[in-house]
ModelCIF file with pLDDT and N, C-alpha, C, O atoms, coordinates in Angstrom:
data_MODEL
#
_entry.id   MODEL 
#
_entity.id                         1 
_entity.type                       polymer 
_entity.pdbx_number_of_molecules   1 
#
_entity_poly.entity_id                      1 
_entity_poly.type                           'polypeptide(L)' 
_entity_poly.nstd_linkage                   no 
_entity_poly.nstd_monomer                   no 
_entity_poly.pdbx_seq_one_letter_code       PPQRGRTSAIRQLVLQAPAPVIAKALGYHDKTATRLVTEAGGTWS 
_entity_poly.pdbx_seq_one_letter_code_can   PPQRGRTSAIRQLVLQAPAPVIAKALGYHDKTATRLVTEAGGTWS 
_entity_poly.pdbx_strand_id                 A 
#
loop_
_entity_poly_seq.entity_id 
_entity_poly_seq.num 
_entity_poly_seq.mon_id 
_entity_poly_seq.hetero 
1 1  PRO n 
1 2  PRO n 
1 3  GLN n 
1 4  ARG n 
1 5  GLY n 
1 6  ARG n 
1 7  THR n 
1 8  SER n 
1 9  ALA n 
1 10 ILE n 
1 11 ARG n 
1 12 GLN n 
1 13 LEU n 
1 14 VAL n 
1 15 LEU n 
1 16 GLN n 
1 17 ALA n 
1 18 PRO n 
1 19 ALA n 
1 20 PRO n 
1 21 VAL n 
1 22 ILE n 
1 23 ALA n 
1 24 LYS n 
1 25 ALA n 
1 26 LEU n 
1 27 GLY n 
1 28 TYR n 
1 29 HIS n 
1 30 ASP n 
1 31 LYS n 
1 32 THR n 
1 33 ALA n 
1 34 THR n 
1 35 ARG n 
1 36 LEU n 
1 37 VAL n 
1 38 THR n 
1 39 GLU n 
1 40 ALA n 
1 41 GLY n 
1 42 GLY n 
1 43 THR n 
1 44 TRP n 
1 45 SER n 
#
_struct_asym.id          A 
_struct_asym.entity_id   1 
#
loop_
_ma_qa_metric.id 
_ma_qa_metric.mode 
_ma_qa_metric.name 
_ma_qa_metric.software_group_id 
_ma_qa_metric.type 
1 global pLDDT . pLDDT 
2 local  pLDDT . pLDDT 
#
_ma_qa_metric_global.metric_id      1 
_ma_qa_metric_global.metric_value   81.60 
_ma_qa_metric_global.model_id       1 
_ma_qa_metric_global.ordinal_id     1 
#
loop_
_ma_qa_metric_local.label_asym_id 
_ma_qa_metric_local.label_comp_id 
_ma_qa_metric_local.label_seq_id 
_ma_qa_metric_local.metric_id 
_ma_qa_metric_local.metric_value 
_ma_qa_metric_local.model_id 
_ma_qa_metric_local.ordinal_id 
A PRO 1  2 79.00 1 1  
A PRO 2  2 71.00 1 2  
A GLN 3  2 74.00 1 3  
A ARG 4  2 74.00 1 4  
A GLY 5  2 72.00 1 5  
A ARG 6  2 78.00 1 6  
A THR 7  2 80.00 1 7  
A SER 8  2 82.00 1 8  
A ALA 9  2 85.00 1 9  
A ILE 10 2 84.00 1 10 
A ARG 11 2 85.00 1 11 
A GLN 12 2 87.00 1 12 
A LEU 13 2 87.00 1 13 
A VAL 14 2 84.00 1 14 
A LEU 15 2 85.00 1 15 
A GLN 16 2 87.00 1 16 
A ALA 17 2 85.00 1 17 
A PRO 18 2 85.00 1 18 
A ALA 19 2 84.00 1 19 
A PRO 20 2 84.00 1 20 
A VAL 21 2 87.00 1 21 
A ILE 22 2 86.00 1 22 
A ALA 23 2 86.00 1 23 
A LYS 24 2 89.00 1 24 
A ALA 25 2 90.00 1 25 
A LEU 26 2 86.00 1 26 
A GLY 27 2 88.00 1 27 
A TYR 28 2 86.00 1 28 
A HIS 29 2 87.00 1 29 
A ASP 30 2 82.00 1 30 
A LYS 31 2 86.00 1 31 
A THR 32 2 84.00 1 32 
A ALA 33 2 83.00 1 33 
A THR 34 2 81.00 1 34 
A ARG 35 2 84.00 1 35 
A LEU 36 2 82.00 1 36 
A VAL 37 2 81.00 1 37 
A THR 38 2 83.00 1 38 
A GLU 39 2 82.00 1 39 
A ALA 40 2 80.00 1 40 
A GLY 41 2 80.00 1 41 
A GLY 42 2 76.00 1 42 
A THR 43 2 71.00 1 43 
A TRP 44 2 63.00 1 44 
A SER 45 2 57.00 1 45 
#
loop_
_atom_site.group_PDB 
_atom_site.id 
_atom_site.type_symbol 
_atom_site.label_atom_id 
_atom_site.label_alt_id 
_atom_site.label_comp_id 
_atom_site.label_asym_id 
_atom_site.label_entity_id 
_atom_site.label_seq_id 
_atom_site.pdbx_PDB_ins_code 
_atom_site.Cartn_x 
_atom_site.Cartn_y 
_atom_site.Cartn_z 
_atom_site.occupancy 
_atom_site.B_iso_or_equiv 
_atom_site.pdbx_formal_charge 
_atom_site.auth_seq_id 
_atom_site.auth_comp_id 
_atom_site.auth_asym_id 
_atom_site.auth_atom_id 
_atom_site.pdbx_PDB_model_num 
ATOM 1   N N  . PRO A 1 1  ? -3.825  -50.132 -61.257 1.00 79.00 ? 1  PRO A N  1 
ATOM 2   C CA . PRO A 1 1  ? -5.172  -50.632 -60.970 1.00 79.00 ? 1  PRO A CA 1 
ATOM 3   C C  . PRO A 1 1  ? -5.306  -50.941 -59.475 1.00 79.00 ? 1  PRO A C  1 
ATOM 4   O O  . PRO A 1 1  ? -4.715  -51.915 -59.009 1.00 79.00 ? 1  PRO A O  1 
ATOM 5   N N  . PRO A 1 2  ? -6.059  -50.149 -58.712 1.00 71.00 ? 2  PRO A N  1 
ATOM 6   C CA . PRO A 1 2  ? -6.114  -50.297 -57.251 1.00 71.00 ? 2  PRO A CA 1 
ATOM 7   C C  . PRO A 1 2  ? -6.615  -51.654 -56.771 1.00 71.00 ? 2  PRO A C  1 
ATOM 8   O O  . PRO A 1 2  ? -6.107  -52.166 -55.773 1.00 71.00 ? 2  PRO A O  1 
ATOM 9   N N  . GLN A 1 3  ? -7.585  -52.248 -57.441 1.00 74.00 ? 3  GLN A N  1 
ATOM 10  C CA . GLN A 1 3  ? -8.126  -53.521 -56.970 1.00 74.00 ? 3  GLN A CA 1 
ATOM 11  C C  . GLN A 1 3  ? -7.086  -54.629 -57.055 1.00 74.00 ? 3  GLN A C  1 
ATOM 12  O O  . GLN A 1 3  ? -6.969  -55.441 -56.137 1.00 74.00 ? 3  GLN A O  1 
ATOM 13  N N  . ARG A 1 4  ? -6.339  -54.669 -58.136 1.00 74.00 ? 4  ARG A N  1 
ATOM 14  C CA . ARG A 1 4  ? -5.306  -55.695 -58.270 1.00 74.00 ? 4  ARG A CA 1 
ATOM 15  C C  . ARG A 1 4  ? -4.217  -55.520 -57.222 1.00 74.00 ? 4  ARG A C  1 
ATOM 16  O O  . ARG A 1 4  ? -3.718  -56.496 -56.661 1.00 74.00 ? 4  ARG A O  1 
ATOM 17  N N  . GLY A 1 5  ? -3.856  -54.285 -56.966 1.00 72.00 ? 5  GLY A N  1 
ATOM 18  C CA . GLY A 1 5  ? -2.838  -54.012 -55.954 1.00 72.00 ? 5  GLY A CA 1 
ATOM 19  C C  . GLY A 1 5  ? -3.299  -54.421 -54.575 1.00 72.00 ? 5  GLY A C  1 
ATOM 20  O O  . GLY A 1 5  ? -2.527  -54.972 -53.790 1.00 72.00 ? 5  GLY A O  1 
ATOM 21  N N  . ARG A 1 6  ? -4.547  -54.151 -54.282 1.00 78.00 ? 6  ARG A N  1 
ATOM 22  C CA . ARG A 1 6  ? -5.114  -54.510 -52.986 1.00 78.00 ? 6  ARG A CA 1 
ATOM 23  C C  . ARG A 1 6  ? -5.135  -56.031 -52.808 1.00 78.00 ? 6  ARG A C  1 
ATOM 24  O O  . ARG A 1 6  ? -4.746  -56.549 -51.761 1.00 78.00 ? 6  ARG A O  1 
ATOM 25  N N  . THR A 1 7  ? -5.589  -56.729 -53.833 1.00 80.00 ? 7  THR A N  1 
ATOM 26  C CA . THR A 1 7  ? -5.644  -58.186 -53.778 1.00 80.00 ? 7  THR A CA 1 
ATOM 27  C C  . THR A 1 7  ? -4.242  -58.764 -53.635 1.00 80.00 ? 7  THR A C  1 
ATOM 28  O O  . THR A 1 7  ? -4.026  -59.684 -52.846 1.00 80.00 ? 7  THR A O  1 
ATOM 29  N N  . SER A 1 8  ? -3.301  -58.237 -54.384 1.00 82.00 ? 8  SER A N  1 
ATOM 30  C CA . SER A 1 8  ? -1.920  -58.724 -54.295 1.00 82.00 ? 8  SER A CA 1 
ATOM 31  C C  . SER A 1 8  ? -1.342  -58.491 -52.910 1.00 82.00 ? 8  SER A C  1 
ATOM 32  O O  . SER A 1 8  ? -0.652  -59.352 -52.365 1.00 82.00 ? 8  SER A O  1 
ATOM 33  N N  . ALA A 1 9  ? -1.624  -57.330 -52.345 1.00 85.00 ? 9  ALA A N  1 
ATOM 34  C CA . ALA A 1 9  ? -1.108  -57.019 -51.006 1.00 85.00 ? 9  ALA A CA 1 
ATOM 35  C C  . ALA A 1 9  ? -1.683  -57.965 -49.957 1.00 85.00 ? 9  ALA A C  1 
ATOM 36  O O  . ALA A 1 9  ? -0.958  -58.435 -49.080 1.00 85.00 ? 9  ALA A O  1 
ATOM 37  N N  . ILE A 1 10 ? -2.970  -58.242 -50.041 1.00 84.00 ? 10 ILE A N  1 
ATOM 38  C CA . ILE A 1 10 ? -3.599  -59.141 -49.070 1.00 84.00 ? 10 ILE A CA 1 
ATOM 39  C C  . ILE A 1 10 ? -3.061  -60.560 -49.224 1.00 84.00 ? 10 ILE A C  1 
ATOM 40  O O  . ILE A 1 10 ? -2.813  -61.241 -48.229 1.00 84.00 ? 10 ILE A O  1 
ATOM 41  N N  . ARG A 1 11 ? -2.883  -61.001 -50.450 1.00 85.00 ? 11 ARG A N  1 
ATOM 42  C CA . ARG A 1 11 ? -2.326  -62.342 -50.671 1.00 85.00 ? 11 ARG A CA 1 
ATOM 43  C C  . ARG A 1 11 ? -0.913  -62.448 -50.117 1.00 85.00 ? 11 ARG A C  1 
ATOM 44  O O  . ARG A 1 11 ? -0.535  -63.480 -49.562 1.00 85.00 ? 11 ARG A O  1 
ATOM 45  N N  . GLN A 1 12 ? -0.131  -61.383 -50.267 1.00 87.00 ? 12 GLN A N  1 
ATOM 46  C CA . GLN A 1 12 ? 1.218   -61.390 -49.716 1.00 87.00 ? 12 GLN A CA 1 
ATOM 47  C C  . GLN A 1 12 ? 1.178   -61.450 -48.189 1.00 87.00 ? 12 GLN A C  1 
ATOM 48  O O  . GLN A 1 12 ? 1.976   -62.152 -47.568 1.00 87.00 ? 12 GLN A O  1 
ATOM 49  N N  . LEU A 1 13 ? 0.250   -60.713 -47.594 1.00 87.00 ? 13 LEU A N  1 
ATOM 50  C CA . LEU A 1 13 ? 0.124   -60.726 -46.135 1.00 87.00 ? 13 LEU A CA 1 
ATOM 51  C C  . LEU A 1 13 ? -0.235  -62.108 -45.601 1.00 87.00 ? 13 LEU A C  1 
ATOM 52  O O  . LEU A 1 13 ? 0.327   -62.550 -44.599 1.00 87.00 ? 13 LEU A O  1 
ATOM 53  N N  . VAL A 1 14 ? -1.167  -62.796 -46.263 1.00 84.00 ? 14 VAL A N  1 
ATOM 54  C CA . VAL A 1 14 ? -1.576  -64.115 -45.764 1.00 84.00 ? 14 VAL A CA 1 
ATOM 55  C C  . VAL A 1 14 ? -0.504  -65.171 -45.970 1.00 84.00 ? 14 VAL A C  1 
ATOM 56  O O  . VAL A 1 14 ? -0.578  -66.249 -45.380 1.00 84.00 ? 14 VAL A O  1 
ATOM 57  N N  . LEU A 1 15 ? 0.486   -64.879 -46.794 1.00 85.00 ? 15 LEU A N  1 
ATOM 58  C CA . LEU A 1 15 ? 1.621   -65.781 -46.912 1.00 85.00 ? 15 LEU A CA 1 
ATOM 59  C C  . LEU A 1 15 ? 2.612   -65.570 -45.772 1.00 85.00 ? 15 LEU A C  1 
ATOM 60  O O  . LEU A 1 15 ? 3.388   -66.468 -45.445 1.00 85.00 ? 15 LEU A O  1 
ATOM 61  N N  . GLN A 1 16 ? 2.586   -64.391 -45.172 1.00 87.00 ? 16 GLN A N  1 
ATOM 62  C CA . GLN A 1 16 ? 3.542   -64.049 -44.123 1.00 87.00 ? 16 GLN A CA 1 
ATOM 63  C C  . GLN A 1 16 ? 3.001   -64.257 -42.710 1.00 87.00 ? 16 GLN A C  1 
ATOM 64  O O  . GLN A 1 16 ? 3.777   -64.353 -41.759 1.00 87.00 ? 16 GLN A O  1 
ATOM 65  N N  . ALA A 1 17 ? 1.703   -64.328 -42.566 1.00 85.00 ? 17 ALA A N  1 
ATOM 66  C CA . ALA A 1 17 ? 1.088   -64.479 -41.250 1.00 85.00 ? 17 ALA A CA 1 
ATOM 67  C C  . ALA A 1 17 ? -0.171  -65.327 -41.396 1.00 85.00 ? 17 ALA A C  1 
ATOM 68  O O  . ALA A 1 17 ? -0.707  -65.457 -42.497 1.00 85.00 ? 17 ALA A O  1 
ATOM 69  N N  . PRO A 1 18 ? -0.643  -65.901 -40.303 1.00 85.00 ? 18 PRO A N  1 
ATOM 70  C CA . PRO A 1 18 ? -1.848  -66.735 -40.359 1.00 85.00 ? 18 PRO A CA 1 
ATOM 71  C C  . PRO A 1 18 ? -3.077  -65.952 -40.837 1.00 85.00 ? 18 PRO A C  1 
ATOM 72  O O  . PRO A 1 18 ? -3.260  -64.787 -40.482 1.00 85.00 ? 18 PRO A O  1 
ATOM 73  N N  . ALA A 1 19 ? -3.899  -66.598 -41.632 1.00 84.00 ? 19 ALA A N  1 
ATOM 74  C CA . ALA A 1 19 ? -5.096  -65.962 -42.191 1.00 84.00 ? 19 ALA A CA 1 
ATOM 75  C C  . ALA A 1 19 ? -6.008  -65.362 -41.121 1.00 84.00 ? 19 ALA A C  1 
ATOM 76  O O  . ALA A 1 19 ? -6.495  -64.249 -41.320 1.00 84.00 ? 19 ALA A O  1 
ATOM 77  N N  . PRO A 1 20 ? -6.267  -66.042 -39.991 1.00 84.00 ? 20 PRO A N  1 
ATOM 78  C CA . PRO A 1 20 ? -7.142  -65.432 -38.981 1.00 84.00 ? 20 PRO A CA 1 
ATOM 79  C C  . PRO A 1 20 ? -6.586  -64.124 -38.419 1.00 84.00 ? 20 PRO A C  1 
ATOM 80  O O  . PRO A 1 20 ? -7.346  -63.211 -38.094 1.00 84.00 ? 20 PRO A O  1 
ATOM 81  N N  . VAL A 1 21 ? -5.275  -64.038 -38.306 1.00 87.00 ? 21 VAL A N  1 
ATOM 82  C CA . VAL A 1 21 ? -4.650  -62.810 -37.801 1.00 87.00 ? 21 VAL A CA 1 
ATOM 83  C C  . VAL A 1 21 ? -4.850  -61.670 -38.799 1.00 87.00 ? 21 VAL A C  1 
ATOM 84  O O  . VAL A 1 21 ? -5.220  -60.560 -38.417 1.00 87.00 ? 21 VAL A O  1 
ATOM 85  N N  . ILE A 1 22 ? -4.605  -61.949 -40.070 1.00 86.00 ? 22 ILE A N  1 
ATOM 86  C CA . ILE A 1 22 ? -4.780  -60.938 -41.120 1.00 86.00 ? 22 ILE A CA 1 
ATOM 87  C C  . ILE A 1 22 ? -6.245  -60.552 -41.222 1.00 86.00 ? 22 ILE A C  1 
ATOM 88  O O  . ILE A 1 22 ? -6.560  -59.369 -41.351 1.00 86.00 ? 22 ILE A O  1 
ATOM 89  N N  . ALA A 1 23 ? -7.145  -61.519 -41.167 1.00 86.00 ? 23 ALA A N  1 
ATOM 90  C CA . ALA A 1 23 ? -8.580  -61.238 -41.257 1.00 86.00 ? 23 ALA A CA 1 
ATOM 91  C C  . ALA A 1 23 ? -9.023  -60.292 -40.147 1.00 86.00 ? 23 ALA A C  1 
ATOM 92  O O  . ALA A 1 23 ? -9.743  -59.324 -40.392 1.00 86.00 ? 23 ALA A O  1 
ATOM 93  N N  . LYS A 1 24 ? -8.590  -60.579 -38.943 1.00 89.00 ? 24 LYS A N  1 
ATOM 94  C CA . LYS A 1 24 ? -8.986  -59.734 -37.808 1.00 89.00 ? 24 LYS A CA 1 
ATOM 95  C C  . LYS A 1 24 ? -8.392  -58.330 -37.931 1.00 89.00 ? 24 LYS A C  1 
ATOM 96  O O  . LYS A 1 24 ? -9.071  -57.341 -37.654 1.00 89.00 ? 24 LYS A O  1 
ATOM 97  N N  . ALA A 1 25 ? -7.146  -58.243 -38.340 1.00 90.00 ? 25 ALA A N  1 
ATOM 98  C CA . ALA A 1 25 ? -6.477  -56.950 -38.453 1.00 90.00 ? 25 ALA A CA 1 
ATOM 99  C C  . ALA A 1 25 ? -7.099  -56.061 -39.533 1.00 90.00 ? 25 ALA A C  1 
ATOM 100 O O  . ALA A 1 25 ? -7.165  -54.842 -39.381 1.00 90.00 ? 25 ALA A O  1 
ATOM 101 N N  . LEU A 1 26 ? -7.556  -56.686 -40.627 1.00 86.00 ? 26 LEU A N  1 
ATOM 102 C CA . LEU A 1 26 ? -8.076  -55.909 -41.755 1.00 86.00 ? 26 LEU A CA 1 
ATOM 103 C C  . LEU A 1 26 ? -9.594  -55.885 -41.846 1.00 86.00 ? 26 LEU A C  1 
ATOM 104 O O  . LEU A 1 26 ? -10.153 -55.219 -42.718 1.00 86.00 ? 26 LEU A O  1 
ATOM 105 N N  . GLY A 1 27 ? -10.263 -56.602 -40.955 1.00 88.00 ? 27 GLY A N  1 
ATOM 106 C CA . GLY A 1 27 ? -11.721 -56.607 -40.969 1.00 88.00 ? 27 GLY A CA 1 
ATOM 107 C C  . GLY A 1 27 ? -12.322 -57.547 -42.002 1.00 88.00 ? 27 GLY A C  1 
ATOM 108 O O  . GLY A 1 27 ? -13.460 -57.354 -42.432 1.00 88.00 ? 27 GLY A O  1 
ATOM 109 N N  . TYR A 1 28 ? -11.568 -58.558 -42.400 1.00 86.00 ? 28 TYR A N  1 
ATOM 110 C CA . TYR A 1 28 ? -12.069 -59.553 -43.347 1.00 86.00 ? 28 TYR A CA 1 
ATOM 111 C C  . TYR A 1 28 ? -12.693 -60.705 -42.578 1.00 86.00 ? 28 TYR A C  1 
ATOM 112 O O  . TYR A 1 28 ? -12.396 -60.908 -41.401 1.00 86.00 ? 28 TYR A O  1 
ATOM 113 N N  . HIS A 1 29 ? -13.548 -61.448 -43.238 1.00 87.00 ? 29 HIS A N  1 
ATOM 114 C CA . HIS A 1 29 ? -14.103 -62.666 -42.652 1.00 87.00 ? 29 HIS A CA 1 
ATOM 115 C C  . HIS A 1 29 ? -13.017 -63.735 -42.696 1.00 87.00 ? 29 HIS A C  1 
ATOM 116 O O  . HIS A 1 29 ? -12.221 -63.777 -43.635 1.00 87.00 ? 29 HIS A O  1 
ATOM 117 N N  . ASP A 1 30 ? -12.983 -64.600 -41.680 1.00 82.00 ? 30 ASP A N  1 
ATOM 118 C CA . ASP A 1 30 ? -11.983 -65.668 -41.622 1.00 82.00 ? 30 ASP A CA 1 
ATOM 119 C C  . ASP A 1 30 ? -11.987 -66.540 -42.873 1.00 82.00 ? 30 ASP A C  1 
ATOM 120 O O  . ASP A 1 30 ? -10.931 -66.927 -43.374 1.00 82.00 ? 30 ASP A O  1 
ATOM 121 N N  . LYS A 1 31 ? -13.188 -66.846 -43.373 1.00 86.00 ? 31 LYS A N  1 
ATOM 122 C CA . LYS A 1 31 ? -13.282 -67.713 -44.560 1.00 86.00 ? 31 LYS A CA 1 
ATOM 123 C C  . LYS A 1 31 ? -12.681 -67.035 -45.790 1.00 86.00 ? 31 LYS A C  1 
ATOM 124 O O  . LYS A 1 31 ? -12.072 -67.700 -46.628 1.00 86.00 ? 31 LYS A O  1 
ATOM 125 N N  . THR A 1 32 ? -12.847 -65.728 -45.902 1.00 84.00 ? 32 THR A N  1 
ATOM 126 C CA . THR A 1 32 ? -12.265 -65.006 -47.030 1.00 84.00 ? 32 THR A CA 1 
ATOM 127 C C  . THR A 1 32 ? -10.746 -65.053 -46.957 1.00 84.00 ? 32 THR A C  1 
ATOM 128 O O  . THR A 1 32 ? -10.082 -65.320 -47.959 1.00 84.00 ? 32 THR A O  1 
ATOM 129 N N  . ALA A 1 33 ? -10.203 -64.799 -45.793 1.00 83.00 ? 33 ALA A N  1 
ATOM 130 C CA . ALA A 1 33 ? -8.750  -64.835 -45.625 1.00 83.00 ? 33 ALA A CA 1 
ATOM 131 C C  . ALA A 1 33 ? -8.205  -66.241 -45.853 1.00 83.00 ? 33 ALA A C  1 
ATOM 132 O O  . ALA A 1 33 ? -7.136  -66.402 -46.440 1.00 83.00 ? 33 ALA A O  1 
ATOM 133 N N  . THR A 1 34 ? -8.923  -67.249 -45.397 1.00 81.00 ? 34 THR A N  1 
ATOM 134 C CA . THR A 1 34 ? -8.500  -68.636 -45.610 1.00 81.00 ? 34 THR A CA 1 
ATOM 135 C C  . THR A 1 34 ? -8.511  -68.981 -47.097 1.00 81.00 ? 34 THR A C  1 
ATOM 136 O O  . THR A 1 34 ? -7.609  -69.663 -47.583 1.00 81.00 ? 34 THR A O  1 
ATOM 137 N N  . ARG A 1 35 ? -9.518  -68.519 -47.811 1.00 84.00 ? 35 ARG A N  1 
ATOM 138 C CA . ARG A 1 35 ? -9.575  -68.753 -49.264 1.00 84.00 ? 35 ARG A CA 1 
ATOM 139 C C  . ARG A 1 35 ? -8.388  -68.082 -49.952 1.00 84.00 ? 35 ARG A C  1 
ATOM 140 O O  . ARG A 1 35 ? -7.777  -68.665 -50.848 1.00 84.00 ? 35 ARG A O  1 
ATOM 141 N N  . LEU A 1 36 ? -8.063  -66.859 -49.536 1.00 82.00 ? 36 LEU A N  1 
ATOM 142 C CA . LEU A 1 36 ? -6.937  -66.148 -50.144 1.00 82.00 ? 36 LEU A CA 1 
ATOM 143 C C  . LEU A 1 36 ? -5.611  -66.852 -49.890 1.00 82.00 ? 36 LEU A C  1 
ATOM 144 O O  . LEU A 1 36 ? -4.764  -66.917 -50.781 1.00 82.00 ? 36 LEU A O  1 
ATOM 145 N N  . VAL A 1 37 ? -5.425  -67.379 -48.682 1.00 81.00 ? 37 VAL A N  1 
ATOM 146 C CA . VAL A 1 37 ? -4.174  -68.083 -48.400 1.00 81.00 ? 37 VAL A CA 1 
ATOM 147 C C  . VAL A 1 37 ? -4.087  -69.375 -49.213 1.00 81.00 ? 37 VAL A C  1 
ATOM 148 O O  . VAL A 1 37 ? -3.001  -69.761 -49.644 1.00 81.00 ? 37 VAL A O  1 
ATOM 149 N N  . THR A 1 38 ? -5.206  -70.034 -49.423 1.00 83.00 ? 38 THR A N  1 
ATOM 150 C CA . THR A 1 38 ? -5.230  -71.242 -50.249 1.00 83.00 ? 38 THR A CA 1 
ATOM 151 C C  . THR A 1 38 ? -4.892  -70.903 -51.701 1.00 83.00 ? 38 THR A C  1 
ATOM 152 O O  . THR A 1 38 ? -4.096  -71.594 -52.336 1.00 83.00 ? 38 THR A O  1 
ATOM 153 N N  . GLU A 1 39 ? -5.500  -69.839 -52.218 1.00 82.00 ? 39 GLU A N  1 
ATOM 154 C CA . GLU A 1 39 ? -5.223  -69.402 -53.594 1.00 82.00 ? 39 GLU A CA 1 
ATOM 155 C C  . GLU A 1 39 ? -3.767  -68.988 -53.767 1.00 82.00 ? 39 GLU A C  1 
ATOM 156 O O  . GLU A 1 39 ? -3.172  -69.207 -54.822 1.00 82.00 ? 39 GLU A O  1 
ATOM 157 N N  . ALA A 1 40 ? -3.198  -68.388 -52.726 1.00 80.00 ? 40 ALA A N  1 
ATOM 158 C CA . ALA A 1 40 ? -1.823  -67.902 -52.811 1.00 80.00 ? 40 ALA A CA 1 
ATOM 159 C C  . ALA A 1 40 ? -0.806  -69.014 -52.560 1.00 80.00 ? 40 ALA A C  1 
ATOM 160 O O  . ALA A 1 40 ? 0.395   -68.805 -52.727 1.00 80.00 ? 40 ALA A O  1 
ATOM 161 N N  . GLY A 1 41 ? -1.281  -70.193 -52.160 1.00 80.00 ? 41 GLY A N  1 
ATOM 162 C CA . GLY A 1 41 ? -0.378  -71.310 -51.918 1.00 80.00 ? 41 GLY A CA 1 
ATOM 163 C C  . GLY A 1 41 ? 0.293   -71.261 -50.558 1.00 80.00 ? 41 GLY A C  1 
ATOM 164 O O  . GLY A 1 41 ? 1.399   -71.775 -50.393 1.00 80.00 ? 41 GLY A O  1 
ATOM 165 N N  . GLY A 1 42 ? -0.357  -70.654 -49.590 1.00 76.00 ? 42 GLY A N  1 
ATOM 166 C CA . GLY A 1 42 ? 0.202   -70.519 -48.254 1.00 76.00 ? 42 GLY A CA 1 
ATOM 167 C C  . GLY A 1 42 ? 0.209   -71.825 -47.479 1.00 76.00 ? 42 GLY A C  1 
ATOM 168 O O  . GLY A 1 42 ? -0.446  -72.796 -47.859 1.00 76.00 ? 42 GLY A O  1 
ATOM 169 N N  . THR A 1 43 ? 0.961   -71.832 -46.388 1.00 71.00 ? 43 THR A N  1 
ATOM 170 C CA . THR A 1 43 ? 1.127   -73.056 -45.589 1.00 71.00 ? 43 THR A CA 1 
ATOM 171 C C  . THR A 1 43 ? 0.705   -72.872 -44.142 1.00 71.00 ? 43 THR A C  1 
ATOM 172 O O  . THR A 1 43 ? 1.181   -73.603 -43.273 1.00 71.00 ? 43 THR A O  1 
ATOM 173 N N  . TRP A 1 44 ? -0.163  -71.930 -43.858 1.00 63.00 ? 44 TRP A N  1 
ATOM 174 C CA . TRP A 1 44 ? -0.594  -71.689 -42.483 1.00 63.00 ? 44 TRP A CA 1 
ATOM 175 C C  . TRP A 1 44 ? -1.809  -72.543 -42.126 1.00 63.00 ? 44 TRP A C  1 
ATOM 176 O O  . TRP A 1 44 ? -2.635  -72.107 -41.323 1.00 63.00 ? 44 TRP A O  1 
ATOM 177 N N  . SER A 1 45 ? -1.946  -73.714 -42.679 1.00 57.00 ? 45 SER A N  1 
ATOM 178 C CA . SER A 1 45 ? -3.150  -74.519 -42.475 1.00 57.00 ? 45 SER A CA 1 
ATOM 179 C C  . SER A 1 45 ? -3.280  -75.087 -41.062 1.00 57.00 ? 45 SER A C  1 
ATOM 180 O O  . SER A 1 45 ? -4.250  -75.782 -40.763 1.00 57.00 ? 45 SER A O  1 
#
């Protein structure tokens, strides 16, 4: 299922790097990336 894989990949990325960096690199809005890092339990706050 491509959508689940995409979401999982993005969540993994935001756990490894700051959300603003991932957002800029992938063309996401900062708030979307921040929400994903929160959902994934990230610590880049």
